Amino acid sequence: FNRPKREAIAIGVSYAISSMFPLIPFFVISYMNIMSQLSALFVAMAITAMVLFFTGAYKTRFTNKKWFRSGAEMVLIGLLASFLGYLIGYVIPS
């Protein structure tokens, strides 16, 4: 960690940009009203899976793993994380 401030900014910016992809369908709903909320949810899930896959595939430039396996692994981790988040929210009473 030669430059911790620079690396922290890079991580924060990449997180902010990546988190916008799943929100795009919901912005389309609120401004253009061309799809239902359920359709937007499915589109958001598909976009998220694609972004996760391409992120995992891109990661292979630095790890020397197989691109398809790394992409699928990233999608699986994302699915598991979202399922666990939903499960925790369901189990903990509000």
N, C-alpha and C. Protein backbone atom coordinates (compact mmCIF):
# COMPACT_ATOMS: atom_id res chain seq x y z
N PHE A 1 0.84 -1.18 0.00
CA PHE A 1 0.00 0.00 0.00
C PHE A 1 0.88 1.24 0.00
N ASN A 2 1.33 1.60 -1.16
CA ASN A 2 2.21 2.75 -1.27
C ASN A 2 1.46 4.07 -1.13
N ARG A 3 0.25 4.13 -1.65
CA ARG A 3 -0.54 5.36 -1.62
C ARG A 3 -1.94 5.04 -1.10
N PRO A 4 -2.13 4.96 0.19
CA PRO A 4 -3.43 4.55 0.73
C PRO A 4 -4.57 5.49 0.39
N LYS A 5 -4.33 6.80 0.35
CA LYS A 5 -5.40 7.74 0.00
C LYS A 5 -5.86 7.54 -1.44
N ARG A 6 -4.89 7.38 -2.32
CA ARG A 6 -5.23 7.18 -3.74
C ARG A 6 -5.99 5.87 -3.94
N GLU A 7 -5.55 4.82 -3.26
CA GLU A 7 -6.22 3.53 -3.38
C GLU A 7 -7.61 3.57 -2.77
N ALA A 8 -7.78 4.29 -1.68
CA ALA A 8 -9.10 4.42 -1.06
C ALA A 8 -10.05 5.17 -1.98
N ILE A 9 -9.56 6.22 -2.63
CA ILE A 9 -10.39 6.97 -3.57
C ILE A 9 -10.77 6.09 -4.76
N ALA A 10 -9.82 5.32 -5.27
CA ALA A 10 -10.10 4.44 -6.40
C ALA A 10 -11.16 3.40 -6.04
N ILE A 11 -11.07 2.83 -4.86
CA ILE A 11 -12.07 1.84 -4.43
C ILE A 11 -13.43 2.50 -4.27
N GLY A 12 -13.46 3.68 -3.66
CA GLY A 12 -14.72 4.39 -3.46
C GLY A 12 -15.39 4.77 -4.77
N VAL A 13 -14.60 5.28 -5.72
CA VAL A 13 -15.15 5.66 -7.02
C VAL A 13 -15.64 4.43 -7.78
N SER A 14 -14.87 3.35 -7.76
CA SER A 14 -15.31 2.15 -8.47
C SER A 14 -16.58 1.57 -7.85
N TYR A 15 -16.69 1.65 -6.53
CA TYR A 15 -17.91 1.18 -5.87
C TYR A 15 -19.10 2.05 -6.27
N ALA A 16 -18.91 3.36 -6.29
CA ALA A 16 -20.00 4.27 -6.65
C ALA A 16 -20.46 4.04 -8.09
N ILE A 17 -19.52 3.86 -9.00
CA ILE A 17 -19.88 3.63 -10.40
C ILE A 17 -20.56 2.28 -10.56
N SER A 18 -20.01 1.24 -9.95
CA SER A 18 -20.58 -0.10 -10.08
C SER A 18 -21.97 -0.20 -9.46
N SER A 19 -22.21 0.54 -8.41
CA SER A 19 -23.53 0.45 -7.77
C SER A 19 -24.61 1.16 -8.56
N MET A 20 -24.25 1.94 -9.57
CA MET A 20 -25.25 2.63 -10.38
C MET A 20 -25.91 1.69 -11.40
N PHE A 21 -25.21 0.65 -11.85
CA PHE A 21 -25.77 -0.22 -12.88
C PHE A 21 -27.11 -0.86 -12.50
N PRO A 22 -27.26 -1.42 -11.31
CA PRO A 22 -28.56 -2.00 -10.97
C PRO A 22 -29.67 -0.97 -10.80
N LEU A 23 -29.32 0.29 -10.61
CA LEU A 23 -30.33 1.32 -10.40
C LEU A 23 -30.89 1.89 -11.70
N ILE A 24 -30.22 1.67 -12.81
CA ILE A 24 -30.63 2.25 -14.09
C ILE A 24 -32.08 1.93 -14.44
N PRO A 25 -32.54 0.67 -14.36
CA PRO A 25 -33.95 0.40 -14.71
C PRO A 25 -34.95 1.17 -13.84
N PHE A 26 -34.61 1.42 -12.59
CA PHE A 26 -35.53 2.13 -11.72
C PHE A 26 -35.57 3.62 -12.04
N PHE A 27 -34.45 4.17 -12.52
CA PHE A 27 -34.46 5.55 -13.00
C PHE A 27 -35.32 5.66 -14.25
N VAL A 28 -35.25 4.65 -15.11
CA VAL A 28 -36.07 4.64 -16.32
C VAL A 28 -37.55 4.62 -15.96
N ILE A 29 -37.92 3.83 -14.95
CA ILE A 29 -39.32 3.79 -14.51
C ILE A 29 -39.78 5.16 -14.04
N SER A 30 -38.99 5.80 -13.21
CA SER A 30 -39.45 7.05 -12.61
C SER A 30 -39.49 8.20 -13.60
N TYR A 31 -38.64 8.18 -14.62
CA TYR A 31 -38.62 9.29 -15.56
C TYR A 31 -39.36 9.01 -16.85
N MET A 32 -39.34 7.80 -17.34
CA MET A 32 -39.95 7.49 -18.63
C MET A 32 -41.21 6.65 -18.51
N ASN A 33 -41.34 5.93 -17.41
CA ASN A 33 -42.51 5.10 -17.15
C ASN A 33 -42.80 4.14 -18.30
N ILE A 34 -41.77 3.40 -18.75
CA ILE A 34 -41.96 2.49 -19.88
C ILE A 34 -41.96 1.02 -19.47
N MET A 35 -41.78 0.74 -18.18
CA MET A 35 -41.83 -0.65 -17.74
C MET A 35 -42.38 -0.71 -16.32
N SER A 36 -42.85 -1.89 -15.96
CA SER A 36 -43.39 -2.07 -14.61
C SER A 36 -42.24 -2.22 -13.61
N GLN A 37 -42.56 -2.12 -12.34
CA GLN A 37 -41.53 -2.29 -11.32
C GLN A 37 -40.97 -3.70 -11.32
N LEU A 38 -41.82 -4.68 -11.57
CA LEU A 38 -41.35 -6.07 -11.62
C LEU A 38 -40.40 -6.27 -12.80
N SER A 39 -40.74 -5.69 -13.95
CA SER A 39 -39.85 -5.78 -15.11
C SER A 39 -38.52 -5.10 -14.81
N ALA A 40 -38.57 -3.96 -14.15
CA ALA A 40 -37.34 -3.25 -13.80
C ALA A 40 -36.48 -4.09 -12.86
N LEU A 41 -37.11 -4.82 -11.96
CA LEU A 41 -36.37 -5.68 -11.05
C LEU A 41 -35.61 -6.76 -11.82
N PHE A 42 -36.28 -7.40 -12.77
CA PHE A 42 -35.63 -8.45 -13.56
C PHE A 42 -34.52 -7.88 -14.44
N VAL A 43 -34.75 -6.70 -15.01
CA VAL A 43 -33.71 -6.06 -15.82
C VAL A 43 -32.52 -5.70 -14.93
N ALA A 44 -32.79 -5.19 -13.73
CA ALA A 44 -31.71 -4.85 -12.80
C ALA A 44 -30.91 -6.09 -12.41
N MET A 45 -31.59 -7.20 -12.20
CA MET A 45 -30.88 -8.44 -11.85
C MET A 45 -30.01 -8.91 -13.02
N ALA A 46 -30.52 -8.79 -14.24
CA ALA A 46 -29.75 -9.21 -15.41
C ALA A 46 -28.53 -8.30 -15.61
N ILE A 47 -28.73 -7.00 -15.46
CA ILE A 47 -27.61 -6.06 -15.60
C ILE A 47 -26.55 -6.34 -14.55
N THR A 48 -27.00 -6.57 -13.32
CA THR A 48 -26.07 -6.85 -12.23
C THR A 48 -25.27 -8.12 -12.50
N ALA A 49 -25.95 -9.17 -12.97
CA ALA A 49 -25.25 -10.42 -13.28
C ALA A 49 -24.23 -10.21 -14.39
N MET A 50 -24.58 -9.43 -15.41
CA MET A 50 -23.64 -9.17 -16.50
C MET A 50 -22.43 -8.37 -16.02
N VAL A 51 -22.67 -7.34 -15.21
CA VAL A 51 -21.56 -6.54 -14.69
C VAL A 51 -20.66 -7.39 -13.81
N LEU A 52 -21.25 -8.22 -12.96
CA LEU A 52 -20.44 -9.11 -12.12
C LEU A 52 -19.64 -10.08 -12.98
N PHE A 53 -20.27 -10.63 -14.01
CA PHE A 53 -19.56 -11.58 -14.87
C PHE A 53 -18.38 -10.91 -15.57
N PHE A 54 -18.62 -9.74 -16.15
CA PHE A 54 -17.54 -9.07 -16.87
C PHE A 54 -16.44 -8.59 -15.92
N THR A 55 -16.81 -8.24 -14.70
CA THR A 55 -15.80 -7.87 -13.71
C THR A 55 -14.94 -9.09 -13.37
N GLY A 56 -15.57 -10.23 -13.17
CA GLY A 56 -14.82 -11.45 -12.90
C GLY A 56 -13.95 -11.86 -14.07
N ALA A 57 -14.48 -11.71 -15.28
CA ALA A 57 -13.69 -12.06 -16.46
C ALA A 57 -12.51 -11.10 -16.63
N TYR A 58 -12.72 -9.83 -16.35
CA TYR A 58 -11.64 -8.85 -16.45
C TYR A 58 -10.55 -9.11 -15.41
N LYS A 59 -10.97 -9.60 -14.27
CA LYS A 59 -10.03 -9.89 -13.19
C LYS A 59 -8.95 -10.88 -13.63
N THR A 60 -9.25 -11.70 -14.62
CA THR A 60 -8.29 -12.72 -15.06
C THR A 60 -7.06 -12.12 -15.72
N ARG A 61 -7.13 -10.86 -16.10
CA ARG A 61 -5.93 -10.20 -16.64
C ARG A 61 -4.83 -10.13 -15.59
N PHE A 62 -5.22 -10.17 -14.33
CA PHE A 62 -4.26 -10.04 -13.24
C PHE A 62 -4.04 -11.34 -12.47
N THR A 63 -4.92 -12.32 -12.66
CA THR A 63 -4.84 -13.54 -11.86
C THR A 63 -4.44 -14.78 -12.65
N ASN A 64 -4.46 -14.73 -13.96
CA ASN A 64 -4.13 -15.87 -14.82
C ASN A 64 -5.06 -17.06 -14.61
N LYS A 65 -6.31 -16.80 -14.27
CA LYS A 65 -7.31 -17.86 -14.20
C LYS A 65 -8.08 -17.91 -15.52
N LYS A 66 -8.95 -18.89 -15.65
CA LYS A 66 -9.80 -18.98 -16.83
C LYS A 66 -10.90 -17.92 -16.72
N TRP A 67 -11.13 -17.19 -17.82
CA TRP A 67 -12.03 -16.04 -17.77
C TRP A 67 -13.47 -16.45 -17.48
N PHE A 68 -13.93 -17.55 -18.07
CA PHE A 68 -15.33 -17.94 -17.86
C PHE A 68 -15.56 -18.39 -16.43
N ARG A 69 -14.64 -19.16 -15.91
CA ARG A 69 -14.78 -19.63 -14.53
C ARG A 69 -14.75 -18.46 -13.55
N SER A 70 -13.86 -17.52 -13.76
CA SER A 70 -13.77 -16.37 -12.87
C SER A 70 -15.04 -15.51 -12.94
N GLY A 71 -15.59 -15.35 -14.15
CA GLY A 71 -16.83 -14.59 -14.29
C GLY A 71 -17.99 -15.29 -13.61
N ALA A 72 -18.10 -16.59 -13.80
CA ALA A 72 -19.17 -17.35 -13.17
C ALA A 72 -19.02 -17.35 -11.65
N GLU A 73 -17.80 -17.41 -11.18
CA GLU A 73 -17.54 -17.37 -9.74
C GLU A 73 -18.00 -16.03 -9.14
N MET A 74 -17.74 -14.95 -9.86
CA MET A 74 -18.15 -13.63 -9.37
C MET A 74 -19.67 -13.51 -9.33
N VAL A 75 -20.35 -14.05 -10.33
CA VAL A 75 -21.82 -14.04 -10.32
C VAL A 75 -22.35 -14.88 -9.16
N LEU A 76 -21.76 -16.03 -8.93
CA LEU A 76 -22.19 -16.90 -7.83
C LEU A 76 -21.99 -16.21 -6.48
N ILE A 77 -20.87 -15.54 -6.30
CA ILE A 77 -20.63 -14.81 -5.05
C ILE A 77 -21.66 -13.69 -4.88
N GLY A 78 -21.97 -12.99 -5.96
CA GLY A 78 -22.98 -11.94 -5.90
C GLY A 78 -24.35 -12.48 -5.55
N LEU A 79 -24.71 -13.61 -6.14
CA LEU A 79 -26.00 -14.24 -5.82
C LEU A 79 -26.06 -14.67 -4.36
N LEU A 80 -24.99 -15.27 -3.89
CA LEU A 80 -24.93 -15.71 -2.50
C LEU A 80 -25.03 -14.51 -1.54
N ALA A 81 -24.33 -13.44 -1.84
CA ALA A 81 -24.37 -12.25 -0.98
C ALA A 81 -25.76 -11.64 -0.96
N SER A 82 -26.42 -11.58 -2.11
CA SER A 82 -27.77 -11.00 -2.13
C SER A 82 -28.76 -11.91 -1.41
N PHE A 83 -28.61 -13.22 -1.57
CA PHE A 83 -29.50 -14.14 -0.86
C PHE A 83 -29.33 -14.03 0.64
N LEU A 84 -28.08 -13.97 1.10
CA LEU A 84 -27.83 -13.85 2.54
C LEU A 84 -28.36 -12.52 3.08
N GLY A 85 -28.22 -11.46 2.32
CA GLY A 85 -28.77 -10.17 2.74
C GLY A 85 -30.28 -10.22 2.86
N TYR A 86 -30.93 -10.85 1.89
CA TYR A 86 -32.39 -11.00 1.94
C TYR A 86 -32.79 -11.87 3.13
N LEU A 87 -32.08 -12.96 3.35
CA LEU A 87 -32.39 -13.88 4.44
C LEU A 87 -32.24 -13.19 5.80
N ILE A 88 -31.18 -12.45 5.98
CA ILE A 88 -30.98 -11.73 7.24
C ILE A 88 -32.09 -10.71 7.44
N GLY A 89 -32.46 -10.00 6.39
CA GLY A 89 -33.55 -9.04 6.50
C GLY A 89 -34.88 -9.69 6.81
N TYR A 90 -35.07 -10.90 6.33
CA TYR A 90 -36.32 -11.62 6.58
C TYR A 90 -36.37 -12.18 8.00
N VAL A 91 -35.24 -12.67 8.48
CA VAL A 91 -35.18 -13.31 9.80
C VAL A 91 -35.24 -12.28 10.93
N ILE A 92 -34.55 -11.17 10.77
CA ILE A 92 -34.53 -10.15 11.83
C ILE A 92 -35.83 -9.36 11.77
N PRO A 93 -36.59 -9.37 12.86
CA PRO A 93 -37.87 -8.64 12.83
C PRO A 93 -37.64 -7.13 12.79
N SER A 94 -38.57 -6.45 12.13
CA SER A 94 -38.41 -5.00 12.02
C SER A 94 -39.04 -4.25 13.16
